[in-house]
Amino acid sequence: MATTAVQQQVQHAGGAGHGADHGHSEHPPTSTGIDHRKMLMWAFLSSDCVFFASLIATYVIYRSRAQEARVGPFPSEVMDIPYTSISAAVLLFSSLTMVLALAAIQRDDVRGLRVWLAATSLLGTIFLGGQYFEFSAFYQVEGLSLQTNMFGASFFTLTGLHGTHVAIGVIWLISLLVVSLRGGVSKKDSLNVEIVGLYWHFVDIVWIIIFTLVYLIPYEEGPEGLEAIPEAMFRLLDGFRVLVGFRLV
């Protein structure tokens, strides 16, 4: 009897210790009620907003100054808007497949997750291939490089760093897909997929801004064009701020 009582106490203590360990393995809630990993991603994206805003502002200023200095080639001479529009559509469509991937894992549909993660990473890779072809054409055919003029330096820096972000996202997606194939992703891990989705959607939003400013909005040469830049920049950045604020809520 005494031995049985001691064994029951030991088992009870072991169970309590196991429950305590399980509690420590969970991520503690934050004061906002949002998981701290998601908050960390939002903090990173906020800092990246400032980073890209400075690059975009630099590009807009340098592009107009290059036109004023009459040092070609100019944007109107090298830009292929129909071709880049297709690349932009591919990247934006990848946001839809990313949403479908998250919806699949939230339903505990692991197979659907794998399909849509593969589709998203494939679309991102196609976009990177299109950007590589565009850069090659600008350099080999048009003679535009980082050293050619201020437009070339700011253009390759801005779009190249965005392409780097896309490449990081593709690697992240493929890594998650590999983990899923090994059985390491289930419905309880949906937050990991959501965090990847936040990063991917941010990259897509940034490309909308870059595509609009770099490819679609023409700037006049000389001081008249420079005077129109600040208002356009403020409107675009304010719209981006409102969009990010909406997502945070």
C-alpha atoms as a PDB file:
ATOM      1  CA  MET A   1       0.000   0.000   0.000  1.00  0.00           C
ATOM      2  CA  ALA A   2       2.724   2.425   0.986  1.00  0.00           C
ATOM      3  CA  THR A   3       4.696   1.534  -2.138  1.00  0.00           C
ATOM      4  CA  THR A   4       1.657   2.132  -4.317  1.00  0.00           C
ATOM      5  CA  ALA A   5       1.071   5.536  -2.733  1.00  0.00           C
ATOM      6  CA  VAL A   6       4.685   6.548  -3.339  1.00  0.00           C
ATOM      7  CA  GLN A   7       4.458   5.464  -6.972  1.00  0.00           C
ATOM      8  CA  GLN A   8       1.309   7.519  -7.459  1.00  0.00           C
ATOM      9  CA  GLN A   9       3.008  10.597  -6.005  1.00  0.00           C
ATOM     10  CA  VAL A  10       5.996  10.127  -8.315  1.00  0.00           C
ATOM     11  CA  GLN A  11       3.738   9.744 -11.342  1.00  0.00           C
ATOM     12  CA  HIS A  12       1.764  12.827 -10.316  1.00  0.00           C
ATOM     13  CA  ALA A  13       4.954  14.825  -9.915  1.00  0.00           C
ATOM     14  CA  GLY A  14       6.213  13.613 -13.298  1.00  0.00           C
ATOM     15  CA  GLY A  15       2.951  14.604 -14.948  1.00  0.00           C
ATOM     16  CA  ALA A  16       3.078  18.041 -13.370  1.00  0.00           C
ATOM     17  CA  GLY A  17       6.656  18.499 -14.551  1.00  0.00           C
ATOM     18  CA  HIS A  18       5.677  17.454 -18.062  1.00  0.00           C
ATOM     19  CA  GLY A  19       2.855  19.974 -18.067  1.00  0.00           C
ATOM     20  CA  ALA A  20       5.238  22.681 -16.913  1.00  0.00           C
ATOM     21  CA  ASP A  21       7.690  21.802 -19.677  1.00  0.00           C
ATOM     22  CA  HIS A  22       4.870  21.920 -22.200  1.00  0.00           C
ATOM     23  CA  GLY A  23       3.875  25.331 -20.944  1.00  0.00           C
ATOM     24  CA  HIS A  24       7.416  26.636 -21.350  1.00  0.00           C
ATOM     25  CA  SER A  25       7.577  25.377 -24.943  1.00  0.00           C
ATOM     26  CA  GLU A  26       4.650  27.563 -25.951  1.00  0.00           C
ATOM     27  CA  HIS A  27       5.244  31.145 -27.035  1.00  0.00           C
ATOM     28  CA  PRO A  28       4.077  33.559 -24.339  1.00  0.00           C
ATOM     29  CA  PRO A  29       1.451  36.115 -25.401  1.00  0.00           C
ATOM     30  CA  THR A  30       2.411  39.755 -25.849  1.00  0.00           C
ATOM     31  CA  SER A  31       0.600  42.806 -24.477  1.00  0.00           C
ATOM     32  CA  THR A  32      -0.974  43.288 -27.920  1.00  0.00           C
ATOM     33  CA  GLY A  33      -2.340  39.745 -28.030  1.00  0.00           C
ATOM     34  CA  ILE A  34      -0.223  39.031 -31.137  1.00  0.00           C
ATOM     35  CA  ASP A  35       2.481  36.362 -31.192  1.00  0.00           C
ATOM     36  CA  HIS A  36       5.929  37.871 -30.659  1.00  0.00           C
ATOM     37  CA  ARG A  37       7.260  36.250 -33.852  1.00  0.00           C
ATOM     38  CA  LYS A  38       4.598  38.053 -35.880  1.00  0.00           C
ATOM     39  CA  MET A  39       5.367  41.314 -34.069  1.00  0.00           C
ATOM     40  CA  LEU A  40       9.045  40.860 -34.900  1.00  0.00           C
ATOM     41  CA  MET A  41       8.219  40.414 -38.575  1.00  0.00           C
ATOM     42  CA  TRP A  42       6.092  43.582 -38.540  1.00  0.00           C
ATOM     43  CA  ALA A  43       9.012  45.456 -36.920  1.00  0.00           C
ATOM     44  CA  PHE A  44      11.351  44.216 -39.649  1.00  0.00           C
ATOM     45  CA  LEU A  45       8.906  45.185 -42.403  1.00  0.00           C
ATOM     46  CA  SER A  46       8.534  48.652 -40.860  1.00  0.00           C
ATOM     47  CA  SER A  47      12.287  49.185 -40.999  1.00  0.00           C
ATOM     48  CA  ASP A  48      12.325  47.879 -44.565  1.00  0.00           C
ATOM     49  CA  CYS A  49       9.660  50.459 -45.458  1.00  0.00           C
ATOM     50  CA  VAL A  50      12.071  53.214 -44.448  1.00  0.00           C
ATOM     51  CA  PHE A  51      14.875  51.509 -46.376  1.00  0.00           C
ATOM     52  CA  PHE A  52      12.916  51.281 -49.620  1.00  0.00           C
ATOM     53  CA  ALA A  53      11.435  54.764 -49.175  1.00  0.00           C
ATOM     54  CA  SER A  54      14.956  56.213 -49.113  1.00  0.00           C
ATOM     55  CA  LEU A  55      15.961  54.197 -52.182  1.00  0.00           C
ATOM     56  CA  ILE A  56      12.852  55.262 -54.091  1.00  0.00           C
ATOM     57  CA  ALA A  57      13.379  58.919 -53.207  1.00  0.00           C
ATOM     58  CA  THR A  58      17.012  58.671 -54.325  1.00  0.00           C
ATOM     59  CA  TYR A  59      15.987  57.073 -57.606  1.00  0.00           C
ATOM     60  CA  VAL A  60      13.376  59.738 -58.370  1.00  0.00           C
ATOM     61  CA  ILE A  61      15.826  62.574 -57.719  1.00  0.00           C
ATOM     62  CA  TYR A  62      18.749  61.010 -59.602  1.00  0.00           C
ATOM     63  CA  ARG A  63      16.618  60.036 -62.572  1.00  0.00           C
ATOM     64  CA  SER A  64      15.459  63.607 -63.120  1.00  0.00           C
ATOM     65  CA  ARG A  65      18.954  64.999 -62.611  1.00  0.00           C
ATOM     66  CA  ALA A  66      20.310  62.555 -65.185  1.00  0.00           C
ATOM     67  CA  GLN A  67      17.760  63.823 -67.688  1.00  0.00           C
ATOM     68  CA  GLU A  68      18.677  67.408 -66.857  1.00  0.00           C
ATOM     69  CA  ALA A  69      22.372  66.625 -67.341  1.00  0.00           C
ATOM     70  CA  ARG A  70      21.607  65.104 -70.769  1.00  0.00           C
ATOM     71  CA  VAL A  71      23.638  61.979 -70.013  1.00  0.00           C
ATOM     72  CA  GLY A  72      21.979  58.999 -71.675  1.00  0.00           C
ATOM     73  CA  PRO A  73      20.587  56.514 -72.066  1.00  0.00           C
ATOM     74  CA  PHE A  74      17.364  57.884 -70.602  1.00  0.00           C
ATOM     75  CA  PRO A  75      14.514  55.849 -69.073  1.00  0.00           C
ATOM     76  CA  SER A  76      12.256  56.444 -72.076  1.00  0.00           C
ATOM     77  CA  GLU A  77      14.946  54.911 -74.314  1.00  0.00           C
ATOM     78  CA  VAL A  78      15.427  51.642 -72.419  1.00  0.00           C
ATOM     79  CA  MET A  79      12.177  50.840 -70.616  1.00  0.00           C
ATOM     80  CA  ASP A  80      10.078  48.013 -72.065  1.00  0.00           C
ATOM     81  CA  ILE A  81       6.802  48.546 -70.213  1.00  0.00           C
ATOM     82  CA  PRO A  82       4.816  45.643 -71.810  1.00  0.00           C
ATOM     83  CA  TYR A  83       7.548  43.155 -70.912  1.00  0.00           C
ATOM     84  CA  THR A  84       7.897  44.421 -67.351  1.00  0.00           C
ATOM     85  CA  SER A  85       4.111  44.488 -66.973  1.00  0.00           C
ATOM     86  CA  ILE A  86       4.047  40.733 -67.552  1.00  0.00           C
ATOM     87  CA  SER A  87       6.745  40.223 -64.920  1.00  0.00           C
ATOM     88  CA  ALA A  88       4.794  42.428 -62.500  1.00  0.00           C
ATOM     89  CA  ALA A  89       1.606  40.443 -63.151  1.00  0.00           C
ATOM     90  CA  VAL A  90       3.465  37.201 -62.418  1.00  0.00           C
ATOM     91  CA  LEU A  91       4.741  38.519 -59.094  1.00  0.00           C
ATOM     92  CA  LEU A  92       1.357  39.928 -58.083  1.00  0.00           C
ATOM     93  CA  PHE A  93      -0.372  36.662 -58.974  1.00  0.00           C
ATOM     94  CA  SER A  94       2.020  34.926 -56.572  1.00  0.00           C
ATOM     95  CA  SER A  95       0.320  36.816 -53.732  1.00  0.00           C
ATOM     96  CA  LEU A  96      -2.876  34.917 -54.538  1.00  0.00           C
ATOM     97  CA  THR A  97      -1.100  31.563 -54.437  1.00  0.00           C
ATOM     98  CA  MET A  98       0.484  32.566 -51.121  1.00  0.00           C
ATOM     99  CA  VAL A  99      -2.974  33.303 -49.689  1.00  0.00           C
ATOM    100  CA  LEU A 100      -4.185  29.913 -50.924  1.00  0.00           C
ATOM    101  CA  ALA A 101      -1.209  28.217 -49.261  1.00  0.00           C
ATOM    102  CA  LEU A 102      -2.075  29.803 -45.908  1.00  0.00           C
ATOM    103  CA  ALA A 103      -5.751  28.929 -46.294  1.00  0.00           C
ATOM    104  CA  ALA A 104      -4.799  25.319 -47.063  1.00  0.00           C
ATOM    105  CA  ILE A 105      -2.689  24.806 -43.940  1.00  0.00           C
ATOM    106  CA  GLN A 106      -5.340  26.476 -41.783  1.00  0.00           C
ATOM    107  CA  ARG A 107      -7.694  23.728 -43.014  1.00  0.00           C
ATOM    108  CA  ASP A 108      -4.949  21.186 -42.232  1.00  0.00           C
ATOM    109  CA  ASP A 109      -4.653  20.489 -45.965  1.00  0.00           C
ATOM    110  CA  VAL A 110      -0.939  19.717 -46.152  1.00  0.00           C
ATOM    111  CA  ARG A 111      -1.096  18.617 -49.783  1.00  0.00           C
ATOM    112  CA  GLY A 112      -2.733  21.908 -50.778  1.00  0.00           C
ATOM    113  CA  LEU A 113      -0.051  23.775 -48.845  1.00  0.00           C
ATOM    114  CA  ARG A 114       2.678  22.029 -50.804  1.00  0.00           C
ATOM    115  CA  VAL A 115       1.005  22.729 -54.142  1.00  0.00           C
ATOM    116  CA  TRP A 116       0.549  26.443 -53.491  1.00  0.00           C
ATOM    117  CA  LEU A 117       3.980  26.914 -51.911  1.00  0.00           C
ATOM    118  CA  ALA A 118       5.523  25.327 -55.001  1.00  0.00           C
ATOM    119  CA  ALA A 119       3.418  27.586 -57.242  1.00  0.00           C
ATOM    120  CA  THR A 120       4.418  30.703 -55.298  1.00  0.00           C
ATOM    121  CA  SER A 121       8.114  29.876 -55.381  1.00  0.00           C
ATOM    122  CA  LEU A 122       7.866  29.081 -59.115  1.00  0.00           C
ATOM    123  CA  LEU A 123       6.208  32.424 -59.886  1.00  0.00           C
ATOM    124  CA  GLY A 124       8.853  34.228 -57.833  1.00  0.00           C
ATOM    125  CA  THR A 125      11.581  32.422 -59.763  1.00  0.00           C
ATOM    126  CA  ILE A 126       9.974  33.395 -63.071  1.00  0.00           C
ATOM    127  CA  PHE A 127       9.974  37.030 -61.947  1.00  0.00           C
ATOM    128  CA  LEU A 128      13.669  36.819 -61.045  1.00  0.00           C
ATOM    129  CA  GLY A 129      14.419  35.278 -64.436  1.00  0.00           C
ATOM    130  CA  GLY A 130      12.584  38.123 -66.147  1.00  0.00           C
ATOM    131  CA  GLN A 131      14.524  40.675 -64.133  1.00  0.00           C
ATOM    132  CA  TYR A 132      17.820  39.020 -65.049  1.00  0.00           C
ATOM    133  CA  PHE A 133      16.875  39.132 -68.746  1.00  0.00           C
ATOM    134  CA  GLU A 134      15.925  42.803 -68.441  1.00  0.00           C
ATOM    135  CA  PHE A 135      19.162  43.725 -66.699  1.00  0.00           C
ATOM    136  CA  SER A 136      21.158  41.840 -69.341  1.00  0.00           C
ATOM    137  CA  ALA A 137      19.356  43.673 -72.149  1.00  0.00           C
ATOM    138  CA  PHE A 138      19.933  47.059 -70.531  1.00  0.00           C
ATOM    139  CA  TYR A 139      23.648  46.360 -70.106  1.00  0.00           C
ATOM    140  CA  GLN A 140      24.475  44.569 -73.346  1.00  0.00           C
ATOM    141  CA  VAL A 141      22.111  46.289 -75.789  1.00  0.00           C
ATOM    142  CA  GLU A 142      21.510  49.744 -74.329  1.00  0.00           C
ATOM    143  CA  GLY A 143      24.887  50.158 -72.608  1.00  0.00           C
ATOM    144  CA  LEU A 144      23.301  51.065 -69.263  1.00  0.00           C
ATOM    145  CA  SER A 145      25.262  50.139 -66.151  1.00  0.00           C
ATOM    146  CA  LEU A 146      25.913  51.379 -62.628  1.00  0.00           C
ATOM    147  CA  GLN A 147      28.680  53.635 -63.932  1.00  0.00           C
ATOM    148  CA  THR A 148      26.855  55.030 -66.981  1.00  0.00           C
ATOM    149  CA  ASN A 149      24.858  57.803 -65.303  1.00  0.00           C
ATOM    150  CA  MET A 150      22.876  58.609 -62.169  1.00  0.00           C
ATOM    151  CA  PHE A 151      19.798  56.950 -63.607  1.00  0.00           C
ATOM    152  CA  GLY A 152      21.641  53.668 -64.151  1.00  0.00           C
ATOM    153  CA  ALA A 153      23.169  53.709 -60.667  1.00  0.00           C
ATOM    154  CA  SER A 154      19.887  54.398 -58.871  1.00  0.00           C
ATOM    155  CA  PHE A 155      17.840  52.081 -61.124  1.00  0.00           C
ATOM    156  CA  PHE A 156      20.041  49.013 -60.687  1.00  0.00           C
ATOM    157  CA  THR A 157      20.422  49.642 -56.958  1.00  0.00           C
ATOM    158  CA  LEU A 158      16.672  49.986 -56.333  1.00  0.00           C
ATOM    159  CA  THR A 159      15.416  47.156 -58.533  1.00  0.00           C
ATOM    160  CA  GLY A 160      18.393  44.943 -57.725  1.00  0.00           C
ATOM    161  CA  LEU A 161      17.825  45.155 -53.970  1.00  0.00           C
ATOM    162  CA  HIS A 162      14.149  44.423 -54.490  1.00  0.00           C
ATOM    163  CA  GLY A 163      15.143  41.394 -56.547  1.00  0.00           C
ATOM    164  CA  THR A 164      17.362  40.313 -53.659  1.00  0.00           C
ATOM    165  CA  HIS A 165      14.339  40.453 -51.356  1.00  0.00           C
ATOM    166  CA  VAL A 166      12.376  38.319 -53.817  1.00  0.00           C
ATOM    167  CA  ALA A 167      15.232  35.796 -53.966  1.00  0.00           C
ATOM    168  CA  ILE A 168      15.289  35.573 -50.157  1.00  0.00           C
ATOM    169  CA  GLY A 169      11.537  34.993 -50.202  1.00  0.00           C
ATOM    170  CA  VAL A 170      11.862  32.217 -52.790  1.00  0.00           C
ATOM    171  CA  ILE A 171      14.538  30.473 -50.706  1.00  0.00           C
ATOM    172  CA  TRP A 172      12.317  30.800 -47.644  1.00  0.00           C
ATOM    173  CA  LEU A 173       9.336  29.310 -49.492  1.00  0.00           C
ATOM    174  CA  ILE A 174      11.366  26.398 -50.848  1.00  0.00           C
ATOM    175  CA  SER A 175      12.769  25.707 -47.373  1.00  0.00           C
ATOM    176  CA  LEU A 176       9.254  25.629 -45.950  1.00  0.00           C
ATOM    177  CA  LEU A 177       8.165  23.325 -48.769  1.00  0.00           C
ATOM    178  CA  VAL A 178      11.031  20.925 -48.002  1.00  0.00           C
ATOM    179  CA  VAL A 179      10.104  20.902 -44.313  1.00  0.00           C
ATOM    180  CA  SER A 180       6.512  20.175 -45.295  1.00  0.00           C
ATOM    181  CA  LEU A 181       7.570  17.255 -47.494  1.00  0.00           C
ATOM    182  CA  ARG A 182       9.373  15.804 -44.473  1.00  0.00           C
ATOM    183  CA  GLY A 183       6.194  16.041 -42.428  1.00  0.00           C
ATOM    184  CA  GLY A 184       7.285  19.019 -40.352  1.00  0.00           C
ATOM    185  CA  VAL A 185       4.328  21.339 -41.078  1.00  0.00           C
ATOM    186  CA  SER A 186       0.769  20.895 -39.819  1.00  0.00           C
ATOM    187  CA  LYS A 187      -2.195  23.054 -38.890  1.00  0.00           C
ATOM    188  CA  LYS A 188      -0.565  24.111 -35.592  1.00  0.00           C
ATOM    189  CA  ASP A 189       2.335  25.581 -37.600  1.00  0.00           C
ATOM    190  CA  SER A 190       0.099  27.849 -39.690  1.00  0.00           C
ATOM    191  CA  LEU A 191       1.665  30.926 -38.072  1.00  0.00           C
ATOM    192  CA  ASN A 192       4.990  30.069 -39.741  1.00  0.00           C
ATOM    193  CA  VAL A 193       3.257  30.110 -43.119  1.00  0.00           C
ATOM    194  CA  GLU A 194       1.496  33.368 -42.233  1.00  0.00           C
ATOM    195  CA  ILE A 195       4.811  35.051 -41.373  1.00  0.00           C
ATOM    196  CA  VAL A 196       6.274  33.994 -44.723  1.00  0.00           C
ATOM    197  CA  GLY A 197       3.123  35.357 -46.335  1.00  0.00           C
ATOM    198  CA  LEU A 198       3.551  38.733 -44.620  1.00  0.00           C
ATOM    199  CA  TYR A 199       7.054  39.028 -46.039  1.00  0.00           C
ATOM    200  CA  TRP A 200       5.947  37.940 -49.511  1.00  0.00           C
ATOM    201  CA  HIS A 201       3.011  40.357 -49.632  1.00  0.00           C
ATOM    202  CA  PHE A 202       5.315  43.171 -48.531  1.00  0.00           C
ATOM    203  CA  VAL A 203       7.684  42.394 -51.401  1.00  0.00           C
ATOM    204  CA  ASP A 204       4.738  42.497 -53.817  1.00  0.00           C
ATOM    205  CA  ILE A 205       3.475  45.824 -52.447  1.00  0.00           C
ATOM    206  CA  VAL A 206       6.928  47.354 -52.771  1.00  0.00           C
ATOM    207  CA  TRP A 207       7.083  46.211 -56.383  1.00  0.00           C
ATOM    208  CA  ILE A 208       3.769  47.932 -57.111  1.00  0.00           C
ATOM    209  CA  ILE A 209       5.303  51.193 -55.916  1.00  0.00           C
ATOM    210  CA  ILE A 210       8.573  50.634 -57.788  1.00  0.00           C
ATOM    211  CA  PHE A 211       6.809  49.601 -60.985  1.00  0.00           C
ATOM    212  CA  THR A 212       4.570  52.669 -60.836  1.00  0.00           C
ATOM    213  CA  LEU A 213       7.376  55.152 -60.217  1.00  0.00           C
ATOM    214  CA  VAL A 214      10.109  53.590 -62.330  1.00  0.00           C
ATOM    215  CA  TYR A 215       8.150  52.388 -65.348  1.00  0.00           C
ATOM    216  CA  LEU A 216       4.747  54.066 -65.532  1.00  0.00           C
ATOM    217  CA  ILE A 217       5.159  57.677 -64.345  1.00  0.00           C
ATOM    218  CA  PRO A 218       7.005  59.799 -66.931  1.00  0.00           C
ATOM    219  CA  TYR A 219       9.060  62.756 -65.690  1.00  0.00           C
ATOM    220  CA  GLU A 220       9.651  65.851 -67.721  1.00  0.00           C
ATOM    221  CA  GLU A 221      13.194  66.949 -68.285  1.00  0.00           C
ATOM    222  CA  GLY A 222      14.531  69.934 -66.412  1.00  0.00           C
ATOM    223  CA  PRO A 223      13.228  71.894 -63.403  1.00  0.00           C
ATOM    224  CA  GLU A 224       9.552  71.416 -64.333  1.00  0.00           C
ATOM    225  CA  GLY A 225       9.863  67.686 -63.821  1.00  0.00           C
ATOM    226  CA  LEU A 226      11.685  68.113 -60.530  1.00  0.00           C
ATOM    227  CA  GLU A 227       8.897  70.289 -59.146  1.00  0.00           C
ATOM    228  CA  ALA A 228       6.342  67.525 -59.731  1.00  0.00           C
ATOM    229  CA  ILE A 229       8.336  64.866 -57.871  1.00  0.00           C
ATOM    230  CA  PRO A 230       7.678  65.727 -54.194  1.00  0.00           C
ATOM    231  CA  GLU A 231       3.884  65.758 -54.506  1.00  0.00           C
ATOM    232  CA  ALA A 232       3.832  62.411 -56.337  1.00  0.00           C
ATOM    233  CA  MET A 233       6.190  60.874 -53.779  1.00  0.00           C
ATOM    234  CA  PHE A 234       4.182  62.080 -50.801  1.00  0.00           C
ATOM    235  CA  ARG A 235       0.917  60.773 -52.265  1.00  0.00           C
ATOM    236  CA  LEU A 236       2.398  57.367 -53.035  1.00  0.00           C
ATOM    237  CA  LEU A 237       4.109  56.954 -49.660  1.00  0.00           C
ATOM    238  CA  ASP A 238       0.990  58.128 -47.829  1.00  0.00           C
ATOM    239  CA  GLY A 239      -1.061  55.524 -49.656  1.00  0.00           C
ATOM    240  CA  PHE A 240       1.484  52.872 -48.706  1.00  0.00           C
ATOM    241  CA  ARG A 241       1.342  53.994 -45.057  1.00  0.00           C
ATOM    242  CA  VAL A 242      -2.447  53.694 -45.038  1.00  0.00           C
ATOM    243  CA  LEU A 243      -2.237  50.210 -46.575  1.00  0.00           C
ATOM    244  CA  VAL A 244       0.303  49.018 -43.978  1.00  0.00           C
ATOM    245  CA  GLY A 245      -1.753  50.536 -41.172  1.00  0.00           C
ATOM    246  CA  PHE A 246      -4.813  48.658 -42.382  1.00  0.00           C
ATOM    247  CA  ARG A 247      -2.917  45.384 -42.383  1.00  0.00           C
ATOM    248  CA  LEU A 248      -1.659  45.962 -38.848  1.00  0.00           C
ATOM    249  CA  VAL A 249      -5.235  46.348 -37.579  1.00  0.00           C
END
